[in-house]
Protein backbone atom coordinates (compact mmCIF):
# COMPACT_ATOMS: atom_id res chain seq x y z
CA MET A 1 0.27 0.32 0.20
CA HIS A 2 1.18 3.21 -1.31
CA SER A 3 1.76 6.07 1.34
CA GLY A 4 0.37 9.74 0.27
CA GLY A 5 3.71 11.24 -0.76
CA MET A 6 5.19 7.66 -2.47
CA ALA A 7 2.04 7.09 -4.43
CA SER A 8 2.05 11.02 -5.79
CA THR A 9 5.27 10.89 -6.49
CA GLU A 10 5.07 7.97 -8.28
CA PHE A 11 1.39 9.40 -10.23
CA GLY A 12 4.27 11.99 -11.32
CA ARG A 13 6.65 10.36 -12.29
CA THR A 14 4.36 8.17 -14.31
CA VAL A 15 2.58 11.35 -16.01
CA ARG A 16 6.16 12.38 -17.11
CA ARG A 17 7.54 9.49 -18.46
CA TRP A 18 4.18 8.97 -20.77
CA ARG A 19 4.36 12.52 -21.18
CA ASP A 20 7.58 12.27 -22.82
CA ARG A 21 6.45 9.15 -25.45
CA VAL A 22 3.80 11.40 -27.43
CA SER A 23 5.22 13.52 -30.06
CA PRO A 24 3.08 17.01 -30.55
CA GLU A 25 2.63 15.88 -33.98
CA ALA A 26 0.34 12.87 -32.66
CA ALA A 27 -1.32 15.33 -30.49
CA GLY A 28 -1.84 17.49 -33.06
CA LEU A 29 -0.18 20.17 -32.10
CA PRO A 30 2.09 23.00 -34.85
CA VAL A 31 5.99 21.66 -34.24
CA GLY A 32 7.65 24.36 -34.38
CA GLY A 33 11.72 25.85 -32.90
CA HIS A 34 14.26 23.65 -31.00
CA ARG A 35 12.93 21.22 -28.97
CA ARG A 36 15.11 19.05 -26.27
CA ALA A 37 12.77 15.95 -26.27
CA ALA A 38 10.32 14.40 -28.66
CA GLY A 39 7.47 14.21 -26.34
CA LEU A 40 5.06 17.24 -24.92
CA ARG A 41 6.07 19.95 -23.05
CA ARG A 42 4.14 20.91 -19.80
CA GLU A 43 2.99 23.40 -21.60
CA GLU A 44 1.46 21.49 -24.75
CA LEU A 45 0.19 18.80 -22.26
CA ALA A 46 -1.31 21.37 -19.73
CA LEU A 47 -3.17 22.36 -23.00
CA LEU A 48 -4.27 19.58 -24.47
CA ALA A 49 -5.57 18.34 -20.83
CA GLY A 50 -7.01 21.51 -20.35
CA ILE A 51 -5.17 22.47 -16.55
CA SER A 52 -2.94 25.24 -15.65
CA VAL A 53 0.54 24.81 -16.27
CA ASP A 54 1.73 24.93 -12.65
CA TYR A 55 -0.58 22.03 -11.80
CA VAL A 56 1.09 19.84 -14.57
CA THR A 57 4.91 20.60 -12.64
CA ARG A 58 2.83 20.28 -9.12
CA LEU A 59 1.24 16.85 -10.35
CA GLU A 60 4.78 15.87 -12.12
CA GLN A 61 6.83 16.81 -8.94
CA GLY A 62 5.31 14.81 -6.71
CA ARG A 63 3.77 18.35 -4.71
CA ALA A 64 0.14 17.97 -5.80
CA SER A 65 -1.74 14.55 -4.37
CA ASN A 66 -5.21 13.58 -4.52
CA PRO A 67 -5.49 14.80 -8.39
CA SER A 68 -9.87 15.09 -9.88
CA GLU A 69 -11.46 11.81 -11.83
CA GLN A 70 -12.06 14.27 -13.77
CA ILE A 71 -8.25 15.66 -14.21
CA VAL A 72 -7.02 12.00 -14.42
CA GLU A 73 -9.21 11.88 -17.23
CA ALA A 74 -8.22 14.53 -19.08
CA LEU A 75 -4.81 13.72 -18.51
CA GLY A 76 -5.53 10.19 -19.62
CA ARG A 77 -7.19 11.66 -22.71
CA ALA A 78 -4.07 14.18 -23.72
CA LEU A 79 -1.58 11.30 -23.71
CA ARG A 80 -3.24 8.74 -25.51
CA LEU A 81 -3.24 6.18 -22.74
CA SER A 82 -4.55 2.70 -23.46
CA GLY A 83 -7.30 1.15 -21.49
CA THR A 84 -5.11 -0.43 -18.93
CA GLU A 85 -3.00 2.40 -18.50
CA ARG A 86 -5.72 4.68 -17.56
CA GLU A 87 -6.90 2.52 -15.36
CA HIS A 88 -3.67 2.08 -13.83
CA LEU A 89 -2.88 6.04 -13.77
CA PHE A 90 -6.45 5.84 -11.83
CA HIS A 91 -5.03 3.73 -9.50
CA LEU A 92 -1.65 5.65 -8.90
CA ALA A 93 -4.25 8.87 -8.27
CA GLY A 94 -6.15 6.41 -5.45
CA LEU A 95 -9.22 6.51 -7.21
CA VAL A 96 -10.95 3.54 -8.66
CA PRO A 97 -11.45 4.04 -12.68
CA PRO A 98 -14.74 4.78 -13.84
CA GLY A 99 -17.51 1.41 -14.24
CA ARG A 100 -19.59 0.51 -16.42
CA GLY A 101 -22.47 2.53 -14.78
CA THR A 102 -20.67 5.83 -15.63
CA VAL A 103 -20.98 7.47 -18.84
CA PRO A 104 -17.50 6.43 -21.01
CA ALA A 105 -15.36 9.49 -21.31
CA HIS A 106 -12.00 7.18 -22.56
CA ILE A 107 -11.04 7.79 -26.31
CA THR A 108 -9.05 4.31 -27.87
CA PRO A 109 -6.14 5.19 -29.61
CA GLY A 110 -8.18 4.25 -32.58
CA VAL A 111 -10.18 6.85 -32.57
CA HIS A 112 -7.06 9.15 -31.87
CA ARG A 113 -5.70 7.40 -35.04
CA MET A 114 -8.79 8.21 -36.95
CA LEU A 115 -8.72 11.95 -35.52
CA ASP A 116 -5.01 12.31 -36.35
CA ARG A 117 -6.32 11.77 -40.73
CA LEU A 118 -8.56 13.83 -40.22
CA THR A 119 -6.70 17.61 -39.46
CA GLY A 120 -7.90 19.38 -42.44
CA THR A 121 -11.68 18.54 -41.18
CA PRO A 122 -13.30 20.16 -38.37
CA VAL A 123 -13.97 17.38 -35.27
CA ALA A 124 -15.08 17.27 -32.09
CA VAL A 125 -15.53 14.41 -29.74
CA PHE A 126 -18.25 14.31 -26.94
CA ASP A 127 -19.39 11.73 -24.67
CA ALA A 128 -22.85 10.41 -24.26
CA ALA A 129 -23.78 13.25 -21.87
CA TRP A 130 -22.98 15.98 -24.83
CA ASN A 131 -19.58 17.18 -22.48
CA LEU A 132 -17.01 17.69 -25.53
CA LEU A 133 -13.71 15.43 -24.66
CA LEU A 134 -11.54 16.62 -27.40
CA ALA A 135 -11.75 19.29 -29.87
CA ASN A 136 -9.00 19.41 -33.01
CA PRO A 137 -7.15 22.97 -34.09
CA LEU A 138 -9.40 23.26 -37.25
CA TYR A 139 -13.12 23.18 -34.51
CA ALA A 140 -11.50 25.44 -32.01
CA ALA A 141 -11.02 27.39 -35.10
CA LEU A 142 -14.18 27.25 -36.25
CA MET A 143 -16.44 27.21 -32.86
CA GLY A 144 -14.17 29.52 -30.39
CA ASP A 145 -11.57 28.32 -28.84
CA PRO A 146 -12.47 25.75 -25.71
CA SER A 147 -9.02 24.96 -24.16
CA GLY A 148 -10.95 27.41 -21.07
CA TRP A 149 -14.26 26.34 -21.03
CA ARG A 150 -14.79 24.19 -17.22
CA GLY A 151 -17.35 22.13 -15.67
CA ASN A 152 -20.21 22.72 -17.32
CA GLU A 153 -19.03 25.30 -19.86
CA ARG A 154 -17.77 22.16 -21.63
CA ASN A 155 -21.56 20.63 -22.08
CA ALA A 156 -23.13 20.89 -25.23
CA VAL A 157 -26.64 21.23 -23.74
CA TRP A 158 -25.97 23.34 -21.33
CA ARG A 159 -23.69 25.96 -23.43
CA ASN A 160 -26.70 26.26 -26.07
CA LEU A 161 -29.80 26.19 -23.57
CA VAL A 162 -28.19 28.11 -20.18
CA GLY A 163 -24.64 29.62 -21.89
CA PRO A 164 -23.73 31.79 -24.04
CA GLY A 165 -24.52 29.69 -27.12
CA THR A 166 -22.63 28.71 -29.96
CA HIS A 167 -21.81 30.36 -33.70
CA VAL A 168 -24.65 28.11 -34.90
CA ARG A 169 -27.60 30.30 -36.53
CA HIS A 170 -30.69 28.49 -35.71
CA THR A 171 -33.99 30.00 -37.28
CA PRO A 172 -36.38 29.30 -34.44
CA GLU A 173 -37.65 26.13 -35.83
CA ALA A 174 -34.46 24.88 -36.22
CA ARG A 175 -33.91 26.01 -32.26
CA ARG A 176 -37.20 24.53 -30.99
CA GLU A 177 -35.89 21.21 -32.61
CA PHE A 178 -32.45 21.09 -32.14
CA GLU A 179 -33.13 21.63 -28.22
CA THR A 180 -35.64 18.70 -28.28
CA THR A 181 -33.65 15.98 -29.82
CA VAL A 182 -30.59 16.90 -27.32
CA VAL A 183 -32.64 16.93 -24.55
CA ALA A 184 -34.38 13.72 -25.49
CA ASP A 185 -30.88 12.05 -25.97
CA LEU A 186 -29.44 13.55 -22.74
CA ARG A 187 -32.39 11.37 -21.17
CA ALA A 188 -32.09 8.05 -23.04
CA THR A 189 -28.13 8.26 -21.78
CA ALA A 190 -29.62 8.82 -18.10
CA ARG A 191 -31.06 6.08 -18.33
CA ARG A 192 -28.65 3.84 -19.40
CA TYR A 193 -26.24 4.91 -17.03
CA PRO A 194 -28.45 5.80 -14.05
CA ALA A 195 -25.23 5.61 -11.38
CA ASP A 196 -22.83 8.18 -12.86
CA GLN A 197 -23.59 10.98 -10.31
CA ARG A 198 -21.93 14.08 -12.57
CA LEU A 199 -24.88 12.97 -15.04
CA ARG A 200 -27.26 13.50 -12.38
CA ARG A 201 -25.83 16.92 -11.40
CA LEU A 202 -26.24 18.04 -14.98
CA VAL A 203 -29.17 17.20 -15.27
CA GLU A 204 -30.50 18.70 -11.49
CA GLU A 205 -28.57 22.01 -12.47
CA LEU A 206 -30.17 22.12 -15.72
CA ARG A 207 -33.66 21.64 -14.71
CA ALA A 208 -33.32 25.02 -11.85
CA ASN A 209 -31.67 26.94 -14.56
CA SER A 210 -33.29 26.68 -17.75
CA ASP A 211 -37.48 26.17 -17.76
CA ARG A 212 -36.94 24.92 -21.46
CA PHE A 213 -34.81 21.99 -20.82
CA ALA A 214 -37.04 21.68 -17.52
CA GLU A 215 -40.36 21.94 -19.78
CA LEU A 216 -38.87 19.22 -22.50
CA TRP A 217 -37.67 16.85 -19.42
CA GLU A 218 -40.80 16.39 -18.19
CA SER A 219 -42.41 16.74 -21.72
CA GLU A 220 -40.93 13.44 -22.50
CA ALA A 221 -39.98 14.88 -25.04
CA VAL A 222 -38.52 12.20 -28.22
CA GLY A 223 -36.24 13.57 -31.27
CA HIS A 224 -32.97 11.84 -33.12
CA HIS A 225 -29.64 13.54 -33.74
CA GLU A 226 -29.70 13.41 -37.71
CA ALA A 227 -26.92 14.96 -39.77
CA SER A 228 -27.98 18.26 -41.02
CA ARG A 229 -26.54 21.74 -42.83
CA LYS A 230 -25.67 24.54 -40.08
CA THR A 231 -24.76 27.93 -40.96
CA ILE A 232 -21.65 28.99 -38.71
CA ASP A 233 -21.29 32.95 -38.32
CA HIS A 234 -17.57 33.15 -37.54
CA PRO A 235 -16.29 36.33 -36.68
CA GLN A 236 -14.00 37.18 -39.01
CA LEU A 237 -14.70 35.28 -42.38
CA GLY A 238 -18.25 35.34 -42.10
CA PRO A 239 -20.83 32.62 -42.43
CA LEU A 240 -20.00 29.34 -43.51
CA THR A 241 -22.39 26.59 -44.18
CA LEU A 242 -21.33 23.22 -43.84
CA ASP A 243 -22.66 19.54 -43.51
CA CYS A 244 -22.58 18.23 -39.79
CA ASP A 245 -22.58 15.11 -39.11
CA VAL A 246 -22.34 12.80 -35.57
CA LEU A 247 -21.00 9.52 -35.88
CA SER A 248 -20.92 7.24 -33.30
CA VAL A 249 -18.20 4.63 -31.85
CA ALA A 250 -19.56 1.29 -31.09
CA GLY A 251 -18.92 0.23 -27.67
CA SER A 252 -17.71 3.43 -26.28
CA ASP A 253 -20.87 5.52 -26.96
CA LEU A 254 -18.64 8.50 -28.19
CA ARG A 255 -20.17 11.08 -30.29
CA ILE A 256 -17.61 12.38 -33.17
CA MET A 257 -19.12 15.48 -34.82
CA VAL A 258 -17.62 16.03 -38.12
CA TYR A 259 -18.33 19.67 -39.96
CA THR A 260 -17.42 19.47 -44.04
CA ALA A 261 -18.00 21.51 -46.74
CA GLU A 262 -19.11 20.68 -50.08
CA PRO A 263 -15.71 20.72 -52.48
CA GLY A 264 -15.26 23.66 -55.04
CA THR A 265 -17.82 25.70 -53.07
CA ARG A 266 -16.34 29.25 -50.59
CA ASP A 267 -16.84 27.33 -48.32
CA ALA A 268 -14.39 25.06 -48.76
CA GLU A 269 -12.51 27.51 -48.94
CA GLN A 270 -12.96 29.78 -45.88
CA VAL A 271 -12.76 25.95 -43.94
CA ALA A 272 -9.04 25.67 -45.65
CA LEU A 273 -8.16 29.42 -44.28
CA LEU A 274 -9.08 28.79 -40.99
CA GLY A 275 -6.47 25.84 -41.28
CA VAL A 276 -4.12 28.78 -42.35
CA ILE A 277 -5.27 31.62 -40.06
CA GLY A 278 -5.36 28.26 -36.68
CA THR A 279 -6.83 29.87 -33.49
CA GLN A 280 -4.04 31.85 -32.66
CA THR A 281 -5.99 35.36 -33.90
CA LEU A 282 -9.44 34.10 -33.49
CA VAL A 283 -9.58 33.69 -29.87
CA GLU A 284 -10.20 37.12 -28.69
CA HIS A 285 -12.89 37.49 -31.16
CA GLY A 286 -14.21 34.27 -30.10
CA ALA A 287 -14.01 34.98 -26.57
CA ALA A 288 -16.44 38.37 -27.52
CA GLU A 289 -18.52 36.16 -29.54
CA ARG A 290 -19.54 33.47 -26.94
CA GLY A 291 -19.85 36.87 -23.81
């Protein structure tokens, strides 16, 4: 049995060792300048996991103990761990790995590799409760940089019904249909994972903060998310009309959201331009749009 200090030191050493084996290219990060090691820098791991560089430093040096389940899960995704490695990291943190009764949040190496091949396409991965797990650089450039989002801000149902919304333009009819669909989908997820306390808290908070959500939840609204064409009002490039497809990953209950443009159109040119611009100059504009 580990003491707290020994366990936190071993957790930190393991994170550092696994950080060294993930190349920035594999993580979808730009590569430039002299690098002393082939692996991720601390600031890159922090960016990918959505936590502060200072916290990553303290974890690796064994000065921070008892990381939360969400932190360990985020580190596991950023480090591209296998299922066995992820379980090991949870045990090192003194936590029980999430069981079958909770919404899966693990992104398998195979899904990571598939996303690596879609660098020219805006792609995001959500869990079954519509929590954003991963967004590639092009998705961040299109929809606003999510790296600073925390807690419920990362939940698509919350952002649309309680929070600042998104860059997607909706007609009143399309908005009603969208809201019905996501609430129905969340209800189905809650039925599949009745033991998930985090999901239960999310539903309670949505009911308390959104009359529309409460109304749809009580009415047992039904709906199913299907492929659709969406217009995204980008703060710099203006409106882009793209096809939005949501793909399901068998066995993991993940949703992969993919935006594509019809080849040869202005929209396709604008998506290519997003790849050139990246999120660098768009973060400030995106934050203003979300505010």
